[in-house]
N, C-alpha and C. Protein backbone atom coordinates (compact mmCIF):
# COMPACT_ATOMS: atom_id res chain seq x y z
N MET A 1 61.18 -5.46 74.32
CA MET A 1 62.56 -6.10 75.33
C MET A 1 63.20 -6.94 74.47
N LYS A 2 64.28 -6.54 74.76
CA LYS A 2 65.68 -7.45 74.15
C LYS A 2 65.99 -8.86 75.06
N SER A 3 65.46 -9.66 74.50
CA SER A 3 66.15 -10.92 75.65
C SER A 3 67.65 -11.33 75.13
N ILE A 4 68.93 -11.19 76.09
CA ILE A 4 70.08 -11.68 75.32
C ILE A 4 70.74 -12.73 76.76
N GLY A 5 71.54 -13.75 75.76
CA GLY A 5 71.93 -14.44 76.46
C GLY A 5 73.75 -14.72 76.60
N ILE A 6 73.98 -14.51 77.75
CA ILE A 6 75.51 -14.34 77.94
C ILE A 6 75.93 -15.49 78.66
N THR A 7 77.20 -16.34 78.30
CA THR A 7 77.88 -17.95 78.13
C THR A 7 79.45 -17.44 77.56
N GLY A 8 79.62 -18.04 78.40
CA GLY A 8 81.44 -18.07 78.17
C GLY A 8 82.06 -19.41 79.16
N GLY A 9 83.32 -19.86 78.65
CA GLY A 9 84.28 -20.66 79.41
C GLY A 9 84.27 -20.11 80.86
N VAL A 10 84.76 -20.84 81.95
CA VAL A 10 85.32 -20.61 83.37
C VAL A 10 86.46 -19.83 83.23
N GLY A 11 86.30 -18.41 84.19
CA GLY A 11 87.52 -17.73 83.30
C GLY A 11 86.79 -16.65 82.98
N SER A 12 86.28 -15.96 81.95
CA SER A 12 86.34 -15.61 81.02
C SER A 12 85.63 -13.27 81.16
N GLY A 13 85.25 -13.81 82.16
CA GLY A 13 84.19 -12.77 83.19
C GLY A 13 83.44 -11.99 82.92
N LYS A 14 82.27 -13.29 83.12
CA LYS A 14 81.04 -13.22 82.43
C LYS A 14 80.29 -12.40 83.54
N THR A 15 80.66 -12.31 84.77
CA THR A 15 80.72 -11.99 86.30
C THR A 15 80.41 -10.25 85.92
N GLU A 16 81.59 -10.15 85.49
CA GLU A 16 82.08 -8.51 85.15
C GLU A 16 80.98 -7.47 84.07
N VAL A 17 80.96 -8.17 82.90
CA VAL A 17 79.78 -8.08 82.05
C VAL A 17 78.60 -7.79 82.54
N LEU A 18 78.10 -9.04 83.59
CA LEU A 18 76.46 -8.55 83.97
C LEU A 18 76.91 -7.39 84.89
N THR A 19 77.25 -7.09 85.89
CA THR A 19 78.00 -6.18 87.04
C THR A 19 77.58 -4.49 86.01
N PHE A 20 78.50 -4.67 84.84
CA PHE A 20 78.37 -3.48 84.12
C PHE A 20 77.31 -3.12 83.41
N ILE A 21 76.35 -4.22 82.90
CA ILE A 21 74.89 -3.91 82.22
C ILE A 21 73.84 -3.25 83.51
N THR A 22 74.13 -4.56 84.83
CA THR A 22 73.01 -4.02 85.68
C THR A 22 73.36 -2.80 86.35
N ALA A 23 74.58 -2.03 86.52
CA ALA A 23 75.16 -1.31 86.91
C ALA A 23 74.18 0.67 85.72
N HIS A 24 74.14 0.43 84.61
CA HIS A 24 73.71 1.00 83.63
C HIS A 24 72.73 1.04 82.76
N TYR A 25 71.88 0.13 83.01
CA TYR A 25 71.06 0.07 81.98
C TYR A 25 69.55 -0.68 82.30
N ASP A 26 68.48 -0.33 82.04
CA ASP A 26 67.43 -1.19 82.22
C ASP A 26 67.32 -2.29 82.20
N ALA A 27 67.80 -3.25 82.98
CA ALA A 27 67.64 -4.54 82.61
C ALA A 27 67.41 -5.79 83.73
N ARG A 28 66.91 -6.63 83.39
CA ARG A 28 66.75 -7.95 84.24
C ARG A 28 67.96 -8.36 84.17
N VAL A 29 68.88 -9.35 84.88
CA VAL A 29 69.25 -9.99 85.22
C VAL A 29 69.48 -10.91 85.84
N ILE A 30 69.27 -12.42 85.32
CA ILE A 30 69.05 -13.64 85.78
C ILE A 30 70.46 -14.20 85.45
N VAL A 31 70.97 -15.25 87.03
CA VAL A 31 71.78 -15.52 86.72
C VAL A 31 71.84 -16.99 87.39
N ALA A 32 71.64 -18.16 85.99
CA ALA A 32 71.23 -19.68 86.12
C ALA A 32 71.64 -20.21 87.77
N ASP A 33 73.04 -20.04 87.68
CA ASP A 33 73.25 -20.73 89.26
C ASP A 33 72.76 -20.29 89.97
N ILE A 34 72.29 -18.96 90.27
CA ILE A 34 71.33 -18.47 91.16
C ILE A 34 70.11 -18.82 91.69
N ALA A 35 69.36 -18.58 90.22
CA ALA A 35 68.47 -19.21 90.46
C ALA A 35 67.87 -20.58 90.76
N ALA A 36 68.83 -21.58 90.58
CA ALA A 36 68.81 -22.73 90.89
C ALA A 36 69.29 -23.06 92.04
N LYS A 37 69.88 -22.29 93.29
CA LYS A 37 70.04 -22.61 94.30
C LYS A 37 69.04 -22.42 95.01
N GLU A 38 67.76 -21.13 94.44
CA GLU A 38 67.03 -20.16 95.36
C GLU A 38 65.77 -21.52 95.16
N LEU A 39 65.21 -22.27 93.83
CA LEU A 39 64.59 -23.37 93.44
C LEU A 39 64.70 -24.57 94.02
N GLU A 40 66.45 -24.58 95.11
CA GLU A 40 66.93 -25.85 95.77
C GLU A 40 66.26 -25.23 96.95
N GLN A 41 65.67 -24.13 97.04
CA GLN A 41 65.19 -24.32 98.94
C GLN A 41 64.12 -24.89 99.80
N PRO A 42 63.67 -25.36 100.92
CA PRO A 42 62.43 -25.53 101.18
C PRO A 42 61.41 -25.12 100.82
N GLY A 43 60.53 -25.87 100.13
CA GLY A 43 59.42 -25.19 99.86
C GLY A 43 59.73 -24.64 98.40
N GLN A 44 60.49 -24.85 97.60
CA GLN A 44 60.69 -24.45 96.16
C GLN A 44 60.70 -26.28 95.18
N PRO A 45 60.33 -25.53 93.72
CA PRO A 45 59.95 -27.01 93.09
C PRO A 45 61.12 -27.88 93.29
N CYS A 46 62.30 -27.49 93.32
CA CYS A 46 63.52 -28.58 93.45
C CYS A 46 63.61 -29.07 94.47
N TYR A 47 63.65 -29.14 95.59
CA TYR A 47 63.47 -29.13 96.50
C TYR A 47 63.20 -30.89 97.03
N ARG A 48 61.93 -30.91 97.03
CA ARG A 48 61.39 -32.42 97.69
C ARG A 48 62.06 -33.12 96.21
N LYS A 49 61.85 -32.67 95.04
CA LYS A 49 62.74 -33.93 93.99
C LYS A 49 63.84 -34.38 94.13
N LEU A 50 64.88 -33.31 94.58
CA LEU A 50 66.08 -33.86 94.60
C LEU A 50 66.09 -34.67 95.79
N VAL A 51 65.97 -34.21 97.12
CA VAL A 51 65.61 -35.42 98.13
C VAL A 51 65.28 -36.88 98.13
N GLU A 52 63.66 -36.66 97.37
CA GLU A 52 63.51 -37.79 96.78
C GLU A 52 64.01 -38.64 95.69
N ALA A 53 64.74 -37.90 94.63
CA ALA A 53 66.07 -39.01 94.02
C ALA A 53 67.04 -39.30 94.64
N LEU A 54 67.81 -38.26 95.48
CA LEU A 54 69.24 -38.59 96.04
C LEU A 54 69.47 -39.07 97.85
N GLY A 55 68.24 -38.78 98.40
CA GLY A 55 68.47 -39.24 99.24
C GLY A 55 68.71 -37.73 100.54
N ASP A 56 68.07 -38.57 101.97
CA ASP A 56 68.21 -37.22 102.63
C ASP A 56 69.99 -37.16 103.12
N GLY A 57 71.03 -37.61 102.49
CA GLY A 57 72.44 -37.70 102.88
C GLY A 57 72.82 -35.99 102.34
N ILE A 58 72.11 -35.75 101.18
CA ILE A 58 72.59 -34.42 100.70
C ILE A 58 72.10 -33.49 101.61
N LEU A 59 71.38 -33.24 102.54
CA LEU A 59 70.54 -32.33 103.36
C LEU A 59 72.10 -32.26 104.55
N ASP A 60 72.11 -30.99 105.09
CA ASP A 60 72.80 -30.58 106.34
C ASP A 60 72.13 -30.60 107.72
N ALA A 61 72.30 -30.22 108.92
CA ALA A 61 71.75 -30.58 109.85
C ALA A 61 70.37 -29.31 109.90
N GLU A 62 70.60 -28.23 109.40
CA GLU A 62 68.64 -27.67 109.64
C GLU A 62 68.53 -27.97 108.63
N GLY A 63 68.18 -29.34 107.62
CA GLY A 63 67.10 -29.96 106.30
C GLY A 63 67.80 -28.96 105.54
N LEU A 64 68.89 -28.29 105.00
CA LEU A 64 69.38 -27.27 103.56
C LEU A 64 69.79 -28.52 102.63
N ILE A 65 69.61 -28.43 101.44
CA ILE A 65 70.12 -28.77 100.24
C ILE A 65 71.46 -28.32 100.59
N ASP A 66 72.76 -29.43 101.37
CA ASP A 66 74.22 -28.82 101.45
C ASP A 66 74.60 -29.27 99.72
N ALA A 67 75.24 -27.23 99.57
CA ALA A 67 76.00 -27.56 98.01
C ALA A 67 77.47 -28.24 97.79
N LYS A 68 77.87 -28.35 98.76
CA LYS A 68 79.09 -28.99 99.03
C LYS A 68 78.65 -30.62 98.40
N THR A 69 78.28 -31.06 99.66
CA THR A 69 77.65 -32.80 99.22
C THR A 69 76.83 -32.63 98.09
N LEU A 70 76.01 -32.10 97.82
CA LEU A 70 75.76 -31.88 96.35
C LEU A 70 76.53 -32.49 95.04
N SER A 71 77.46 -31.18 95.62
CA SER A 71 78.35 -30.87 93.66
C SER A 71 79.28 -32.25 93.98
N GLY A 72 79.86 -32.49 95.34
CA GLY A 72 80.58 -33.85 95.56
C GLY A 72 80.11 -34.80 94.95
N LEU A 73 78.95 -35.49 95.11
CA LEU A 73 77.79 -36.29 94.67
C LEU A 73 77.94 -36.43 93.12
N ILE A 74 77.24 -34.91 92.66
CA ILE A 74 77.50 -35.02 91.07
C ILE A 74 78.68 -35.13 90.21
N PHE A 75 79.38 -35.02 90.57
CA PHE A 75 81.40 -35.21 90.20
C PHE A 75 81.70 -36.49 90.38
N SER A 76 80.93 -37.09 90.94
CA SER A 76 81.30 -38.68 91.06
C SER A 76 80.50 -39.45 90.92
N ASP A 77 78.84 -39.10 90.13
CA ASP A 77 78.20 -40.11 90.16
C ASP A 77 77.76 -39.53 88.74
N ALA A 78 77.65 -40.16 87.51
CA ALA A 78 77.09 -39.91 86.22
C ALA A 78 75.51 -39.63 86.11
N LYS A 79 74.93 -40.90 87.24
CA LYS A 79 73.88 -41.12 87.18
C LYS A 79 73.22 -39.75 88.23
N ALA A 80 73.69 -39.78 88.92
CA ALA A 80 73.24 -38.68 90.23
C ALA A 80 73.20 -37.58 89.12
N LEU A 81 74.58 -37.14 88.64
CA LEU A 81 74.51 -35.88 87.63
C LEU A 81 73.45 -35.71 86.48
N ALA A 82 72.93 -37.09 86.19
CA ALA A 82 71.89 -36.74 84.49
C ALA A 82 70.36 -36.56 85.83
N GLN A 83 70.12 -37.12 87.31
CA GLN A 83 69.09 -36.99 88.19
C GLN A 83 68.88 -35.96 88.27
N VAL A 84 70.02 -34.55 88.57
CA VAL A 84 70.16 -33.24 89.23
C VAL A 84 69.86 -32.66 87.64
N ASN A 85 70.66 -32.91 87.04
CA ASN A 85 69.59 -31.99 85.79
C ASN A 85 68.61 -32.33 85.02
N ALA A 86 68.17 -33.38 85.38
CA ALA A 86 66.55 -33.50 84.47
C ALA A 86 65.73 -33.00 85.53
N ILE A 87 65.94 -32.71 87.03
CA ILE A 87 65.48 -31.88 88.00
C ILE A 87 65.52 -30.52 88.17
N VAL A 88 66.69 -30.10 87.76
CA VAL A 88 67.10 -28.66 88.03
C VAL A 88 66.82 -27.72 86.43
N HIS A 89 67.29 -28.30 85.48
CA HIS A 89 67.47 -27.48 84.42
C HIS A 89 66.15 -27.12 83.90
N PRO A 90 65.39 -27.82 83.83
CA PRO A 90 63.85 -27.29 83.58
C PRO A 90 63.36 -26.62 84.17
N ALA A 91 63.76 -26.68 85.80
CA ALA A 91 62.71 -25.58 86.44
C ALA A 91 63.74 -24.59 86.22
N VAL A 92 64.73 -24.75 86.45
CA VAL A 92 65.22 -22.69 85.78
C VAL A 92 65.15 -22.56 84.39
N LYS A 93 65.05 -23.11 83.58
CA LYS A 93 64.09 -22.04 82.42
C LYS A 93 62.78 -21.86 82.42
N HIS A 94 61.58 -22.24 82.97
CA HIS A 94 60.51 -22.34 83.57
C HIS A 94 60.53 -20.59 84.06
N TYR A 95 61.44 -20.75 85.27
CA TYR A 95 61.71 -19.77 86.19
C TYR A 95 62.12 -18.85 85.44
N ILE A 96 62.67 -19.08 84.27
CA ILE A 96 63.57 -17.97 83.42
C ILE A 96 62.14 -17.50 83.16
N LEU A 97 61.40 -17.81 82.23
CA LEU A 97 60.27 -17.63 81.21
C LEU A 97 59.94 -16.38 81.80
N GLU A 98 59.18 -17.32 83.04
CA GLU A 98 58.39 -16.16 84.16
C GLU A 98 58.91 -15.44 84.32
N ALA A 99 59.54 -14.81 84.65
CA ALA A 99 60.07 -13.52 84.54
C ALA A 99 60.91 -13.21 83.64
N MET A 100 61.47 -13.79 82.52
CA MET A 100 60.88 -12.93 80.98
C MET A 100 59.72 -12.31 81.03
N GLU A 101 58.59 -12.95 81.01
CA GLU A 101 57.19 -12.50 80.91
C GLU A 101 56.46 -11.17 81.39
N GLU A 102 57.24 -11.52 82.94
CA GLU A 102 56.91 -10.40 83.77
C GLU A 102 57.57 -8.91 83.39
N GLU A 103 58.97 -8.81 83.48
CA GLU A 103 59.88 -8.28 82.88
C GLU A 103 58.76 -7.61 81.40
N ARG A 104 58.79 -8.11 80.86
CA ARG A 104 58.45 -7.73 79.42
C ARG A 104 57.09 -7.07 79.39
N ASN A 105 56.19 -7.24 80.76
CA ASN A 105 55.15 -6.68 80.89
C ASN A 105 55.38 -4.85 81.68
N LYS A 106 55.99 -5.18 81.78
CA LYS A 106 56.79 -4.06 83.14
C LYS A 106 57.41 -2.95 82.03
N GLY A 107 57.85 -3.25 80.79
CA GLY A 107 58.41 -2.33 79.77
C GLY A 107 59.64 -2.04 80.39
N THR A 108 60.98 -3.54 80.78
CA THR A 108 61.53 -3.35 81.04
C THR A 108 62.91 -3.62 79.44
N LYS A 109 63.55 -2.52 79.62
CA LYS A 109 64.18 -3.09 78.08
C LYS A 109 65.34 -4.25 77.94
N TYR A 110 65.73 -4.80 78.48
CA TYR A 110 66.48 -5.74 78.56
C TYR A 110 66.84 -7.26 79.69
N PHE A 111 66.30 -7.98 78.56
CA PHE A 111 66.43 -9.37 79.70
C PHE A 111 67.95 -9.82 79.82
N VAL A 112 68.37 -10.41 80.73
CA VAL A 112 69.68 -11.07 80.48
C VAL A 112 69.99 -12.06 81.21
N VAL A 113 70.31 -13.43 80.33
CA VAL A 113 70.47 -14.22 81.32
C VAL A 113 71.79 -14.94 81.55
N GLU A 114 72.29 -15.43 82.30
CA GLU A 114 73.68 -15.89 82.17
C GLU A 114 73.81 -16.93 82.99
N ALA A 115 74.48 -18.28 81.75
CA ALA A 115 74.79 -19.49 82.49
C ALA A 115 75.81 -20.16 81.95
N ALA A 116 76.20 -20.99 82.31
CA ALA A 116 77.25 -22.00 81.58
C ALA A 116 76.34 -23.05 80.43
N LEU A 117 75.22 -23.29 81.01
CA LEU A 117 74.84 -23.95 80.01
C LEU A 117 74.13 -23.59 78.71
N LEU A 118 73.74 -22.51 78.67
CA LEU A 118 72.97 -21.67 77.75
C LEU A 118 72.53 -22.40 76.59
N ILE A 119 74.02 -23.17 75.70
CA ILE A 119 73.76 -23.26 74.83
C ILE A 119 73.06 -25.11 74.96
N GLU A 120 73.83 -25.73 76.06
CA GLU A 120 73.23 -27.65 75.91
C GLU A 120 71.88 -27.29 76.46
N GLU A 121 71.43 -25.78 76.70
CA GLU A 121 69.93 -26.18 77.45
C GLU A 121 69.35 -25.38 76.11
N ASP A 122 70.00 -25.21 75.25
CA ASP A 122 68.78 -24.74 74.07
C ASP A 122 68.42 -23.07 74.51
N TYR A 123 68.83 -22.36 74.93
CA TYR A 123 68.36 -21.21 75.61
C TYR A 123 68.46 -20.12 74.03
N GLN A 124 69.07 -20.75 73.07
CA GLN A 124 68.93 -19.60 72.11
C GLN A 124 67.67 -19.99 71.56
N ASP A 125 66.75 -20.40 71.64
CA ASP A 125 65.62 -20.78 70.99
C ASP A 125 64.57 -19.89 71.56
N ILE A 126 64.94 -19.20 72.84
CA ILE A 126 64.04 -18.43 73.68
C ILE A 126 64.56 -17.14 73.37
N LEU A 127 65.80 -16.89 73.40
CA LEU A 127 66.36 -15.69 73.71
C LEU A 127 66.78 -14.81 72.06
N ASP A 128 66.51 -13.52 72.05
CA ASP A 128 66.76 -13.43 71.13
C ASP A 128 68.16 -12.76 70.62
N GLU A 129 68.86 -13.00 71.48
CA GLU A 129 70.73 -13.02 70.89
C GLU A 129 71.34 -13.55 72.33
N MET A 130 72.44 -14.16 72.01
CA MET A 130 73.44 -14.80 72.18
C MET A 130 74.95 -14.07 72.24
N TRP A 131 75.54 -13.72 73.32
CA TRP A 131 77.05 -12.98 73.29
C TRP A 131 77.91 -14.32 74.06
N TYR A 132 78.80 -14.32 73.34
CA TYR A 132 80.16 -15.36 73.90
C TYR A 132 81.09 -14.31 74.14
N ILE A 133 81.40 -14.72 75.81
CA ILE A 133 82.49 -13.83 76.39
C ILE A 133 83.62 -14.55 76.42
N TYR A 134 84.60 -13.79 75.15
CA TYR A 134 85.68 -14.50 74.93
C TYR A 134 87.30 -13.87 75.88
N VAL A 135 87.61 -14.87 76.04
CA VAL A 135 88.85 -14.85 76.82
C VAL A 135 90.08 -15.96 76.41
N SER A 136 90.98 -15.99 76.42
CA SER A 136 92.59 -16.31 75.69
C SER A 136 92.40 -17.49 76.91
N GLU A 137 92.60 -18.80 76.18
CA GLU A 137 92.91 -19.52 77.46
C GLU A 137 94.01 -19.65 78.76
N PRO A 138 95.55 -19.15 78.24
CA PRO A 138 96.31 -18.81 79.13
C PRO A 138 96.09 -17.33 80.17
N VAL A 139 95.21 -16.51 79.76
CA VAL A 139 94.59 -15.55 80.86
C VAL A 139 93.74 -16.05 81.50
N ARG A 140 92.53 -16.85 80.54
CA ARG A 140 91.32 -17.72 82.09
C ARG A 140 92.01 -17.93 82.82
N ARG A 141 93.06 -19.26 82.85
CA ARG A 141 93.81 -19.46 83.80
C ARG A 141 94.52 -18.62 85.00
N LYS A 142 95.22 -17.82 84.42
CA LYS A 142 95.82 -17.32 85.35
C LYS A 142 94.66 -16.20 85.91
N ARG A 143 93.39 -15.62 85.65
CA ARG A 143 92.60 -15.27 86.84
C ARG A 143 92.19 -16.46 87.48
N LEU A 144 92.25 -17.61 87.39
CA LEU A 144 91.64 -18.40 88.12
C LEU A 144 92.82 -18.86 89.18
N LYS A 145 93.20 -18.93 88.88
CA LYS A 145 94.59 -19.15 89.63
C LYS A 145 94.49 -17.90 90.92
N GLU A 146 94.74 -16.75 89.82
CA GLU A 146 94.85 -15.42 91.15
C GLU A 146 93.56 -15.20 91.87
N SER A 147 92.60 -15.36 91.28
CA SER A 147 91.20 -14.95 92.13
C SER A 147 90.91 -15.89 92.82
N ARG A 148 90.96 -17.06 92.42
CA ARG A 148 89.76 -18.46 92.84
C ARG A 148 90.60 -19.15 94.04
N GLY A 149 92.44 -19.22 93.29
CA GLY A 149 92.83 -20.20 93.85
C GLY A 149 92.82 -21.96 93.39
N TYR A 150 92.33 -21.47 91.87
CA TYR A 150 92.31 -23.31 91.49
C TYR A 150 93.40 -23.38 90.87
N SER A 151 93.64 -24.70 91.29
CA SER A 151 95.09 -25.44 90.59
C SER A 151 94.97 -25.73 89.45
N ASP A 152 96.03 -26.18 89.14
CA ASP A 152 96.19 -26.40 87.43
C ASP A 152 94.91 -27.56 87.26
N GLN A 153 95.44 -28.97 88.06
CA GLN A 153 94.36 -29.84 87.67
C GLN A 153 92.98 -29.54 87.67
N LYS A 154 92.58 -28.64 88.46
CA LYS A 154 91.03 -28.25 88.71
C LYS A 154 90.50 -27.86 87.29
N ILE A 155 91.21 -26.42 87.38
CA ILE A 155 91.05 -25.87 86.24
C ILE A 155 90.45 -26.49 84.54
N ASP A 156 92.00 -27.84 84.82
CA ASP A 156 92.13 -28.76 83.74
C ASP A 156 90.98 -29.40 83.42
N SER A 157 90.00 -29.74 84.56
CA SER A 157 88.99 -30.75 84.69
C SER A 157 87.76 -29.93 84.29
N ILE A 158 87.57 -28.45 84.28
CA ILE A 158 86.48 -27.91 84.55
C ILE A 158 86.52 -27.46 83.02
N MET A 159 87.54 -26.90 82.43
CA MET A 159 87.82 -26.93 81.05
C MET A 159 87.43 -27.77 79.85
N ALA A 160 87.88 -29.02 80.24
CA ALA A 160 87.31 -30.05 79.40
C ALA A 160 86.29 -30.20 79.81
N ALA A 161 84.57 -30.12 80.66
CA ALA A 161 83.97 -30.30 80.47
C ALA A 161 83.28 -29.54 80.10
N GLN A 162 84.20 -28.26 79.60
CA GLN A 162 83.26 -27.10 79.23
C GLN A 162 83.38 -27.17 77.25
N LYS A 163 82.44 -26.21 76.65
CA LYS A 163 82.43 -26.13 75.28
C LYS A 163 83.85 -25.43 74.41
N THR A 164 84.35 -25.64 73.76
CA THR A 164 85.75 -25.34 72.88
C THR A 164 85.16 -23.72 72.24
N ASP A 165 85.90 -22.81 72.36
CA ASP A 165 85.88 -21.60 71.89
C ASP A 165 85.04 -21.49 70.18
N ALA A 166 85.60 -22.93 69.78
CA ALA A 166 84.65 -22.82 68.58
C ALA A 166 83.13 -23.13 68.07
N GLU A 167 83.28 -23.89 69.47
CA GLU A 167 81.72 -23.94 69.46
C GLU A 167 81.00 -23.31 70.19
N PHE A 168 81.35 -22.48 70.83
CA PHE A 168 80.98 -20.84 71.27
C PHE A 168 80.09 -20.14 70.21
N ARG A 169 81.71 -19.85 69.65
CA ARG A 169 81.01 -19.01 68.70
C ARG A 169 80.45 -19.11 67.49
N SER A 170 80.24 -20.76 67.24
CA SER A 170 78.93 -21.36 66.03
C SER A 170 77.84 -20.80 66.43
N VAL A 171 77.52 -20.48 67.40
CA VAL A 171 76.40 -20.83 68.11
C VAL A 171 75.78 -19.03 68.17
N CYS A 172 76.80 -18.24 68.85
CA CYS A 172 76.24 -16.98 69.64
C CYS A 172 76.53 -15.70 68.13
N ASP A 173 75.74 -15.26 68.63
CA ASP A 173 75.18 -13.72 67.76
C ASP A 173 76.85 -12.93 67.87
N HIS A 174 77.01 -12.62 68.54
CA HIS A 174 77.78 -11.45 69.50
C HIS A 174 79.17 -12.00 70.09
N VAL A 175 80.82 -11.52 69.65
CA VAL A 175 81.71 -11.89 70.57
C VAL A 175 82.23 -11.07 71.30
N ILE A 176 82.22 -10.42 72.77
CA ILE A 176 82.84 -9.84 73.26
C ILE A 176 84.25 -10.61 73.86
N ASP A 177 84.82 -9.52 73.40
CA ASP A 177 86.64 -9.99 73.76
C ASP A 177 87.17 -9.27 75.42
N ASN A 178 87.15 -10.07 75.85
CA ASN A 178 87.53 -9.53 77.50
C ASN A 178 89.14 -9.82 78.05
N ASN A 179 89.46 -9.78 76.83
CA ASN A 179 91.47 -10.01 77.51
C ASN A 179 91.89 -8.89 77.53
N ASP A 180 91.62 -7.71 77.45
CA ASP A 180 92.05 -6.68 77.95
C ASP A 180 91.55 -6.02 79.14
N SER A 181 91.34 -4.48 79.30
CA SER A 181 90.93 -4.09 80.67
C SER A 181 89.44 -4.08 80.41
N ILE A 182 88.77 -3.29 81.86
CA ILE A 182 87.03 -3.79 81.80
C ILE A 182 86.72 -2.73 81.21
N GLU A 183 87.22 -1.79 80.57
CA GLU A 183 87.59 -0.36 79.92
C GLU A 183 86.74 -0.94 78.61
N GLU A 184 88.05 -1.83 78.21
CA GLU A 184 87.63 -2.31 76.99
C GLU A 184 86.39 -3.24 76.72
N MET A 185 86.32 -3.90 77.42
CA MET A 185 85.16 -4.57 77.55
C MET A 185 83.31 -3.83 78.03
N GLN A 186 83.90 -2.65 78.21
CA GLN A 186 82.30 -1.76 78.74
C GLN A 186 82.14 -1.47 77.47
N LYS A 187 83.14 -0.86 76.80
CA LYS A 187 82.88 -0.03 75.30
C LYS A 187 81.83 -0.97 74.38
N GLN A 188 82.20 -2.30 74.37
CA GLN A 188 82.31 -3.49 73.79
C GLN A 188 80.29 -3.87 73.92
N VAL A 189 80.13 -3.50 75.71
CA VAL A 189 79.11 -4.17 75.62
C VAL A 189 78.12 -2.85 74.99
N GLY A 190 78.37 -1.83 75.57
CA GLY A 190 77.72 -0.26 75.40
C GLY A 190 77.50 -0.24 73.52
N ALA A 191 78.28 -0.80 72.99
CA ALA A 191 78.35 -0.56 71.34
C ALA A 191 77.34 -1.24 70.87
N LEU A 192 77.36 -2.92 71.86
CA LEU A 192 76.12 -3.32 71.53
C LEU A 192 74.45 -2.70 72.01
N LEU A 193 74.50 -2.36 72.99
CA LEU A 193 72.90 -1.99 73.71
C LEU A 193 72.77 -0.71 73.34
N THR A 194 73.72 0.41 72.56
CA THR A 194 72.91 1.19 72.33
C THR A 194 72.65 1.25 70.95
N GLU A 195 73.28 0.57 70.30
CA GLU A 195 72.25 -0.11 69.14
C GLU A 195 70.81 -0.03 68.72
N ASP A 196 70.54 -0.12 70.16
CA ASP A 196 68.90 -0.71 70.31
C ASP A 196 68.20 0.73 70.63
N ALA A 197 68.98 1.43 71.36
CA ALA A 197 68.42 3.20 71.97
C ALA A 197 67.65 3.95 70.91
C-alpha cells in the first residue's frame, strides 16, 4: 500500500483531487478536518478534553461542540488555539495511523490523507509521499470569491497564515498544477498513480 499526503493552500482544489481519487482508484481517503470533527463528538477522544480546557461556553443547546463558537475563540485567542491544537492534532494523527494499519491489512492500494497542516504536523515522516496541489494566488483568490463568497480581507488573513509556495515545494515529492481544467489535473494524478499499477 502506498500512503500519500495531499496539501496546498486554501482554494487550490484539494477536494477535487480527492473526489477524483475516490471515484477511480482503490483508495481510502481521510480528510483531517472531517476526522477532527468526528473526534470532537460526545464520547469521542477530544470532546471531554476540549470542554475541560475551554469551558461549557463552547457547547450548543444540545451539548455538542459548536464549531462557530470554537473557531471564533481560537481565531481571537492564541492560548486557546494552542490548547485546541495540543488536544486535536495528536488525536487525529493517532486516528490516521490506526486507519492506515487497518487499510494495509485489507490490502487497499492507496491511503490518502488531506490536511492543511500536513507539513507542520510532520506527516512526511509517516507517509510515503507528499503531494502539493499548486494554484497561482490570483486563481485561488478568484475561486474563493466565486465558490465561497470570501472577502479580500478574509482571503488575505487565511493566506498569510499558510505556508508559502516555496515552503510547500521544499517538502513535497510531487507538484500537481491545478491552474487549468479538471481534466488536466486528473491527467497528472493518473500519471502518478498508474506508475505503481
